[in-house]
């Protein structure tokens, strides 16, 4: 039981930090991976950067879901 709690805390911390870093360093990530044509088409100019912000926010909230233990509903 304690091991599960510690694992959740560690995974949540990784997701929190990863999500924030994705938002802060979105320009560098876009330079490494290149522009995303689909994001540019549907999100307009700068869509690739906005895509990385949205992904960062989703990763951040995934950390909150992991921390609260709500992934059990999905069998994870």
PDB file of N, CA and C in Angstrom:
ATOM      1  N   UNK A   1       0.817  -1.194   0.000  1.00  0.00           N
ATOM      2  CA  UNK A   1       0.000   0.000   0.000  1.00  0.00           C
ATOM      3  C   UNK A   1       0.862   1.260   0.000  1.00  0.00           C
ATOM      4  N   UNK A   2       1.865   1.288   0.854  1.00  0.00           N
ATOM      5  CA  UNK A   2       2.758   2.455   0.917  1.00  0.00           C
ATOM      6  C   UNK A   2       3.521   2.600  -0.396  1.00  0.00           C
ATOM      7  N   UNK A   3       3.922   1.473  -0.981  1.00  0.00           N
ATOM      8  CA  UNK A   3       4.647   1.508  -2.250  1.00  0.00           C
ATOM      9  C   UNK A   3       3.805   2.108  -3.359  1.00  0.00           C
ATOM     10  N   UNK A   4       2.503   1.822  -3.353  1.00  0.00           N
ATOM     11  CA  UNK A   4       1.601   2.374  -4.354  1.00  0.00           C
ATOM     12  C   UNK A   4       1.474   3.887  -4.194  1.00  0.00           C
ATOM     13  N   UNK A   5       1.397   4.355  -2.977  1.00  0.00           N
ATOM     14  CA  UNK A   5       1.289   5.793  -2.718  1.00  0.00           C
ATOM     15  C   UNK A   5       2.553   6.511  -3.150  1.00  0.00           C
ATOM     16  N   UNK A   6       3.695   5.940  -2.826  1.00  0.00           N
ATOM     17  CA  UNK A   6       4.970   6.552  -3.220  1.00  0.00           C
ATOM     18  C   UNK A   6       5.109   6.564  -4.737  1.00  0.00           C
ATOM     19  N   UNK A   7       4.694   5.486  -5.385  1.00  0.00           N
ATOM     20  CA  UNK A   7       4.746   5.429  -6.846  1.00  0.00           C
ATOM     21  C   UNK A   7       3.857   6.502  -7.458  1.00  0.00           C
ATOM     22  N   UNK A   8       2.655   6.674  -6.920  1.00  0.00           N
ATOM     23  CA  UNK A   8       1.756   7.717  -7.416  1.00  0.00           C
ATOM     24  C   UNK A   8       2.373   9.102  -7.259  1.00  0.00           C
ATOM     25  N   UNK A   9       2.983   9.352  -6.113  1.00  0.00           N
ATOM     26  CA  UNK A   9       3.587  10.659  -5.865  1.00  0.00           C
ATOM     27  C   UNK A   9       4.731  10.917  -6.834  1.00  0.00           C
ATOM     28  N   UNK A  10       5.559   9.915  -7.053  1.00  0.00           N
ATOM     29  CA  UNK A  10       6.699  10.082  -7.974  1.00  0.00           C
ATOM     30  C   UNK A  10       6.208  10.296  -9.400  1.00  0.00           C
ATOM     31  N   UNK A  11       5.253   9.491  -9.863  1.00  0.00           N
ATOM     32  CA  UNK A  11       4.716   9.654 -11.216  1.00  0.00           C
ATOM     33  C   UNK A  11       4.028  11.010 -11.389  1.00  0.00           C
ATOM     34  N   UNK A  12       3.300  11.438 -10.372  1.00  0.00           N
ATOM     35  CA  UNK A  12       2.629  12.739 -10.447  1.00  0.00           C
ATOM     36  C   UNK A  12       3.662  13.864 -10.511  1.00  0.00           C
ATOM     37  N   UNK A  13       4.716  13.761  -9.726  1.00  0.00           N
ATOM     38  CA  UNK A  13       5.758  14.799  -9.754  1.00  0.00           C
ATOM     39  C   UNK A  13       6.432  14.855 -11.117  1.00  0.00           C
ATOM     40  N   UNK A  14       6.678  13.695 -11.714  1.00  0.00           N
ATOM     41  CA  UNK A  14       7.278  13.656 -13.056  1.00  0.00           C
ATOM     42  C   UNK A  14       6.341  14.311 -14.061  1.00  0.00           C
ATOM     43  N   UNK A  15       5.053  14.021 -13.969  1.00  0.00           N
ATOM     44  CA  UNK A  15       4.085  14.623 -14.892  1.00  0.00           C
ATOM     45  C   UNK A  15       3.972  16.126 -14.671  1.00  0.00           C
ATOM     46  N   UNK A  16       3.966  16.573 -13.409  1.00  0.00           N
ATOM     47  CA  UNK A  16       3.884  18.006 -13.139  1.00  0.00           C
ATOM     48  C   UNK A  16       5.079  18.738 -13.733  1.00  0.00           C
ATOM     49  N   UNK A  17       6.269  18.225 -13.453  1.00  0.00           N
ATOM     50  CA  UNK A  17       7.485  18.867 -13.958  1.00  0.00           C
ATOM     51  C   UNK A  17       7.537  18.789 -15.479  1.00  0.00           C
ATOM     52  N   UNK A  18       7.194  17.622 -16.035  1.00  0.00           N
ATOM     53  CA  UNK A  18       7.210  17.460 -17.486  1.00  0.00           C
ATOM     54  C   UNK A  18       6.225  18.390 -18.177  1.00  0.00           C
ATOM     55  N   UNK A  19       5.043  18.540 -17.624  1.00  0.00           N
ATOM     56  CA  UNK A  19       4.042  19.431 -18.203  1.00  0.00           C
ATOM     57  C   UNK A  19       4.480  20.883 -18.177  1.00  0.00           C
ATOM     58  N   UNK A  20       5.039  21.304 -17.066  1.00  0.00           N
ATOM     59  CA  UNK A  20       5.518  22.683 -16.959  1.00  0.00           C
ATOM     60  C   UNK A  20       6.681  22.919 -17.911  1.00  0.00           C
ATOM     61  N   UNK A  21       7.596  21.961 -18.004  1.00  0.00           N
ATOM     62  CA  UNK A  21       8.730  22.117 -18.911  1.00  0.00           C
ATOM     63  C   UNK A  21       8.281  22.161 -20.370  1.00  0.00           C
ATOM     64  N   UNK A  22       7.249  21.395 -20.714  1.00  0.00           N
ATOM     65  CA  UNK A  22       6.721  21.445 -22.080  1.00  0.00           C
ATOM     66  C   UNK A  22       6.169  22.829 -22.397  1.00  0.00           C
ATOM     67  N   UNK A  23       5.535  23.449 -21.430  1.00  0.00           N
ATOM     68  CA  UNK A  23       4.976  24.783 -21.655  1.00  0.00           C
ATOM     69  C   UNK A  23       6.093  25.824 -21.745  1.00  0.00           C
ATOM     70  N   UNK A  24       7.049  25.738 -20.853  1.00  0.00           N
ATOM     71  CA  UNK A  24       8.118  26.735 -20.814  1.00  0.00           C
ATOM     72  C   UNK A  24       9.031  26.630 -22.027  1.00  0.00           C
ATOM     73  N   UNK A  25       9.377  25.409 -22.423  1.00  0.00           N
ATOM     74  CA  UNK A  25      10.335  25.204 -23.503  1.00  0.00           C
ATOM     75  C   UNK A  25       9.666  24.771 -24.810  1.00  0.00           C
ATOM     76  N   UNK A  26       8.461  25.246 -25.059  1.00  0.00           N
ATOM     77  CA  UNK A  26       7.727  24.847 -26.267  1.00  0.00           C
ATOM     78  C   UNK A  26       8.452  25.248 -27.541  1.00  0.00           C
ATOM     79  N   UNK A  27       9.143  26.376 -27.533  1.00  0.00           N
ATOM     80  CA  UNK A  27       9.863  26.805 -28.732  1.00  0.00           C
ATOM     81  C   UNK A  27      11.014  25.855 -29.043  1.00  0.00           C
ATOM     82  N   UNK A  28      11.753  25.473 -28.033  1.00  0.00           N
ATOM     83  CA  UNK A  28      12.865  24.536 -28.248  1.00  0.00           C
ATOM     84  C   UNK A  28      12.360  23.169 -28.689  1.00  0.00           C
ATOM     85  N   UNK A  29      11.263  22.726 -28.109  1.00  0.00           N
ATOM     86  CA  UNK A  29      10.685  21.433 -28.507  1.00  0.00           C
ATOM     87  C   UNK A  29      10.244  21.489 -29.962  1.00  0.00           C
ATOM     88  N   UNK A  30       9.633  22.599 -30.357  1.00  0.00           N
ATOM     89  CA  UNK A  30       9.186  22.751 -31.744  1.00  0.00           C
ATOM     90  C   UNK A  30      10.377  22.770 -32.699  1.00  0.00           C
ATOM     91  N   UNK A  31      11.487  23.367 -32.266  1.00  0.00           N
ATOM     92  CA  UNK A  31      12.676  23.362 -33.130  1.00  0.00           C
ATOM     93  C   UNK A  31      13.241  21.958 -33.293  1.00  0.00           C
ATOM     94  N   UNK A  32      13.194  21.172 -32.232  1.00  0.00           N
ATOM     95  CA  UNK A  32      13.725  19.809 -32.294  1.00  0.00           C
ATOM     96  C   UNK A  32      12.842  18.915 -33.161  1.00  0.00           C
ATOM     97  N   UNK A  33      11.529  18.966 -32.948  1.00  0.00           N
ATOM     98  CA  UNK A  33      10.615  18.085 -33.653  1.00  0.00           C
ATOM     99  C   UNK A  33      10.075  18.681 -34.944  1.00  0.00           C
ATOM    100  N   UNK A  34      10.254  19.969 -35.152  1.00  0.00           N
ATOM    101  CA  UNK A  34       9.768  20.614 -36.362  1.00  0.00           C
ATOM    102  C   UNK A  34       8.320  21.051 -36.227  1.00  0.00           C
ATOM    103  N   UNK A  35       7.865  21.740 -37.251  1.00  0.00           N
ATOM    104  CA  UNK A  35       6.495  22.239 -37.263  1.00  0.00           C
ATOM    105  C   UNK A  35       5.522  21.092 -37.531  1.00  0.00           C
ATOM    106  N   UNK A  36       4.358  21.181 -36.938  1.00  0.00           N
ATOM    107  CA  UNK A  36       3.303  20.192 -37.142  1.00  0.00           C
ATOM    108  C   UNK A  36       2.291  20.799 -38.105  1.00  0.00           C
ATOM    109  N   UNK A  37       2.195  20.231 -39.299  1.00  0.00           N
ATOM    110  CA  UNK A  37       1.310  20.776 -40.327  1.00  0.00           C
ATOM    111  C   UNK A  37      -0.151  20.762 -39.897  1.00  0.00           C
ATOM    112  N   UNK A  38      -0.563  19.722 -39.205  1.00  0.00           N
ATOM    113  CA  UNK A  38      -1.950  19.626 -38.773  1.00  0.00           C
ATOM    114  C   UNK A  38      -2.282  20.726 -37.761  1.00  0.00           C
ATOM    115  N   UNK A  39      -1.374  20.961 -36.823  1.00  0.00           N
ATOM    116  CA  UNK A  39      -1.591  22.017 -35.828  1.00  0.00           C
ATOM    117  C   UNK A  39      -1.583  23.388 -36.489  1.00  0.00           C
ATOM    118  N   UNK A  40      -0.692  23.599 -37.437  1.00  0.00           N
ATOM    119  CA  UNK A  40      -0.634  24.883 -38.138  1.00  0.00           C
ATOM    120  C   UNK A  40      -1.902  25.117 -38.944  1.00  0.00           C
ATOM    121  N   UNK A  41      -2.465  24.059 -39.497  1.00  0.00           N
ATOM    122  CA  UNK A  41      -3.677  24.185 -40.317  1.00  0.00           C
ATOM    123  C   UNK A  41      -4.889  24.533 -39.463  1.00  0.00           C
ATOM    124  N   UNK A  42      -5.078  23.819 -38.363  1.00  0.00           N
ATOM    125  CA  UNK A  42      -6.289  23.985 -37.578  1.00  0.00           C
ATOM    126  C   UNK A  42      -6.165  25.000 -36.440  1.00  0.00           C
ATOM    127  N   UNK A  43      -4.966  25.265 -35.974  1.00  0.00           N
ATOM    128  CA  UNK A  43      -4.785  26.218 -34.884  1.00  0.00           C
ATOM    129  C   UNK A  43      -4.257  27.561 -35.368  1.00  0.00           C
ATOM    130  N   UNK A  44      -4.002  27.684 -36.668  1.00  0.00           N
ATOM    131  CA  UNK A  44      -3.543  28.945 -37.230  1.00  0.00           C
ATOM    132  C   UNK A  44      -2.046  29.128 -37.072  1.00  0.00           C
ATOM    133  N   UNK A  45      -1.606  30.362 -37.309  1.00  0.00           N
ATOM    134  CA  UNK A  45      -0.180  30.674 -37.191  1.00  0.00           C
ATOM    135  C   UNK A  45       0.259  30.465 -35.743  1.00  0.00           C
ATOM    136  N   UNK A  46       1.366  29.802 -35.560  1.00  0.00           N
ATOM    137  CA  UNK A  46       1.833  29.476 -34.215  1.00  0.00           C
ATOM    138  C   UNK A  46       1.121  28.285 -33.625  1.00  0.00           C
ATOM    139  N   UNK A  47       0.448  27.524 -34.444  1.00  0.00           N
ATOM    140  CA  UNK A  47      -0.321  26.385 -33.961  1.00  0.00           C
ATOM    141  C   UNK A  47       0.527  25.303 -33.331  1.00  0.00           C
ATOM    142  N   UNK A  48       1.758  25.151 -33.830  1.00  0.00           N
ATOM    143  CA  UNK A  48       2.649  24.143 -33.262  1.00  0.00           C
ATOM    144  C   UNK A  48       2.975  24.477 -31.808  1.00  0.00           C
ATOM    145  N   UNK A  49       3.222  25.749 -31.542  1.00  0.00           N
ATOM    146  CA  UNK A  49       3.523  26.164 -30.165  1.00  0.00           C
ATOM    147  C   UNK A  49       2.311  25.985 -29.270  1.00  0.00           C
ATOM    148  N   UNK A  50       1.139  26.320 -29.800  1.00  0.00           N
ATOM    149  CA  UNK A  50      -0.091  26.125 -29.027  1.00  0.00           C
ATOM    150  C   UNK A  50      -0.342  24.643 -28.758  1.00  0.00           C
ATOM    151  N   UNK A  51      -0.012  23.793 -29.724  1.00  0.00           N
ATOM    152  CA  UNK A  51      -0.177  22.352 -29.549  1.00  0.00           C
ATOM    153  C   UNK A  51       0.675  21.868 -28.377  1.00  0.00           C
ATOM    154  N   UNK A  52       1.914  22.338 -28.290  1.00  0.00           N
ATOM    155  CA  UNK A  52       2.785  21.914 -27.200  1.00  0.00           C
ATOM    156  C   UNK A  52       2.294  22.434 -25.855  1.00  0.00           C
ATOM    157  N   UNK A  53       1.668  23.606 -25.838  1.00  0.00           N
ATOM    158  CA  UNK A  53       1.087  24.114 -24.594  1.00  0.00           C
ATOM    159  C   UNK A  53      -0.070  23.228 -24.161  1.00  0.00           C
ATOM    160  N   UNK A  54      -0.933  22.869 -25.102  1.00  0.00           N
ATOM    161  CA  UNK A  54      -2.075  22.001 -24.776  1.00  0.00           C
ATOM    162  C   UNK A  54      -1.592  20.638 -24.290  1.00  0.00           C
ATOM    163  N   UNK A  55      -0.590  20.069 -24.951  1.00  0.00           N
ATOM    164  CA  UNK A  55      -0.042  18.780 -24.513  1.00  0.00           C
ATOM    165  C   UNK A  55       0.552  18.904 -23.126  1.00  0.00           C
ATOM    166  N   UNK A  56       1.263  20.006 -22.852  1.00  0.00           N
ATOM    167  CA  UNK A  56       1.832  20.229 -21.520  1.00  0.00           C
ATOM    168  C   UNK A  56       0.767  20.322 -20.451  1.00  0.00           C
ATOM    169  N   UNK A  57      -0.339  20.995 -20.758  1.00  0.00           N
ATOM    170  CA  UNK A  57      -1.436  21.099 -19.793  1.00  0.00           C
ATOM    171  C   UNK A  57      -2.063  19.728 -19.549  1.00  0.00           C
ATOM    172  N   UNK A  58      -2.232  18.947 -20.613  1.00  0.00           N
ATOM    173  CA  UNK A  58      -2.798  17.603 -20.463  1.00  0.00           C
ATOM    174  C   UNK A  58      -1.891  16.708 -19.623  1.00  0.00           C
ATOM    175  N   UNK A  59      -0.582  16.814 -19.820  1.00  0.00           N
ATOM    176  CA  UNK A  59       0.356  16.020 -19.024  1.00  0.00           C
ATOM    177  C   UNK A  59       0.301  16.453 -17.564  1.00  0.00           C
ATOM    178  N   UNK A  60       0.184  17.763 -17.335  1.00  0.00           N
ATOM    179  CA  UNK A  60       0.079  18.271 -15.971  1.00  0.00           C
ATOM    180  C   UNK A  60      -1.163  17.712 -15.283  1.00  0.00           C
ATOM    181  N   UNK A  61      -2.298  17.746 -15.965  1.00  0.00           N
ATOM    182  CA  UNK A  61      -3.530  17.215 -15.381  1.00  0.00           C
ATOM    183  C   UNK A  61      -3.493  15.692 -15.251  1.00  0.00           C
ATOM    184  N   UNK A  62      -2.770  15.030 -16.128  1.00  0.00           N
ATOM    185  CA  UNK A  62      -2.586  13.590 -15.977  1.00  0.00           C
ATOM    186  C   UNK A  62      -1.877  13.299 -14.652  1.00  0.00           C
ATOM    187  N   UNK A  63      -0.919  14.141 -14.296  1.00  0.00           N
ATOM    188  CA  UNK A  63      -0.247  13.990 -13.004  1.00  0.00           C
ATOM    189  C   UNK A  63      -1.217  14.128 -11.843  1.00  0.00           C
ATOM    190  N   UNK A  64      -2.147  15.074 -11.945  1.00  0.00           N
ATOM    191  CA  UNK A  64      -3.149  15.235 -10.894  1.00  0.00           C
ATOM    192  C   UNK A  64      -4.057  14.015 -10.805  1.00  0.00           C
ATOM    193  N   UNK A  65      -4.422  13.464 -11.954  1.00  0.00           N
ATOM    194  CA  UNK A  65      -5.278  12.274 -11.973  1.00  0.00           C
ATOM    195  C   UNK A  65      -4.536  11.089 -11.361  1.00  0.00           C
ATOM    196  N   UNK A  66      -3.258  10.968 -11.690  1.00  0.00           N
ATOM    197  CA  UNK A  66      -2.460   9.877 -11.109  1.00  0.00           C
ATOM    198  C   UNK A  66      -2.354  10.047  -9.603  1.00  0.00           C
ATOM    199  N   UNK A  67      -2.095  11.271  -9.152  1.00  0.00           N
ATOM    200  CA  UNK A  67      -1.937  11.530  -7.727  1.00  0.00           C
ATOM    201  C   UNK A  67      -3.213  11.211  -6.956  1.00  0.00           C
ATOM    202  N   UNK A  68      -4.348  11.530  -7.537  1.00  0.00           N
ATOM    203  CA  UNK A  68      -5.623  11.266  -6.860  1.00  0.00           C
ATOM    204  C   UNK A  68      -6.085   9.820  -6.995  1.00  0.00           C
ATOM    205  N   UNK A  69      -5.410   9.046  -7.854  1.00  0.00           N
ATOM    206  CA  UNK A  69      -5.753   7.650  -7.994  1.00  0.00           C
ATOM    207  C   UNK A  69      -6.985   7.398  -8.838  1.00  0.00           C
ATOM    208  N   UNK A  70      -7.310   8.319  -9.706  1.00  0.00           N
ATOM    209  CA  UNK A  70      -8.526   8.172 -10.518  1.00  0.00           C
ATOM    210  C   UNK A  70      -8.304   7.356 -11.776  1.00  0.00           C
ATOM    211  N   UNK A  71      -7.098   6.918 -12.061  1.00  0.00           N
ATOM    212  CA  UNK A  71      -6.839   6.081 -13.237  1.00  0.00           C
ATOM    213  C   UNK A  71      -7.332   4.655 -13.013  1.00  0.00           C
ATOM    214  N   UNK A  72      -7.682   4.324 -11.795  1.00  0.00           N
ATOM    215  CA  UNK A  72      -8.193   2.984 -11.515  1.00  0.00           C
ATOM    216  C   UNK A  72      -9.503   2.737 -12.241  1.00  0.00           C
ATOM    217  N   UNK A  73     -10.224   3.802 -12.549  1.00  0.00           N
ATOM    218  CA  UNK A  73     -11.475   3.651 -13.285  1.00  0.00           C
ATOM    219  C   UNK A  73     -11.236   3.146 -14.699  1.00  0.00           C
ATOM    220  N   UNK A  74     -10.055   3.406 -15.227  1.00  0.00           N
ATOM    221  CA  UNK A  74      -9.701   2.985 -16.573  1.00  0.00           C
ATOM    222  C   UNK A  74      -8.898   1.689 -16.592  1.00  0.00           C
ATOM    223  N   UNK A  75      -8.738   1.079 -15.439  1.00  0.00           N
ATOM    224  CA  UNK A  75      -8.018  -0.189 -15.349  1.00  0.00           C
ATOM    225  C   UNK A  75      -6.512  -0.020 -15.290  1.00  0.00           C
ATOM    226  N   UNK A  76      -6.044   1.196 -15.004  1.00  0.00           N
ATOM    227  CA  UNK A  76      -4.601   1.439 -14.903  1.00  0.00           C
ATOM    228  C   UNK A  76      -4.182   1.649 -13.476  1.00  0.00           C
TER     229      UNK A  76
END
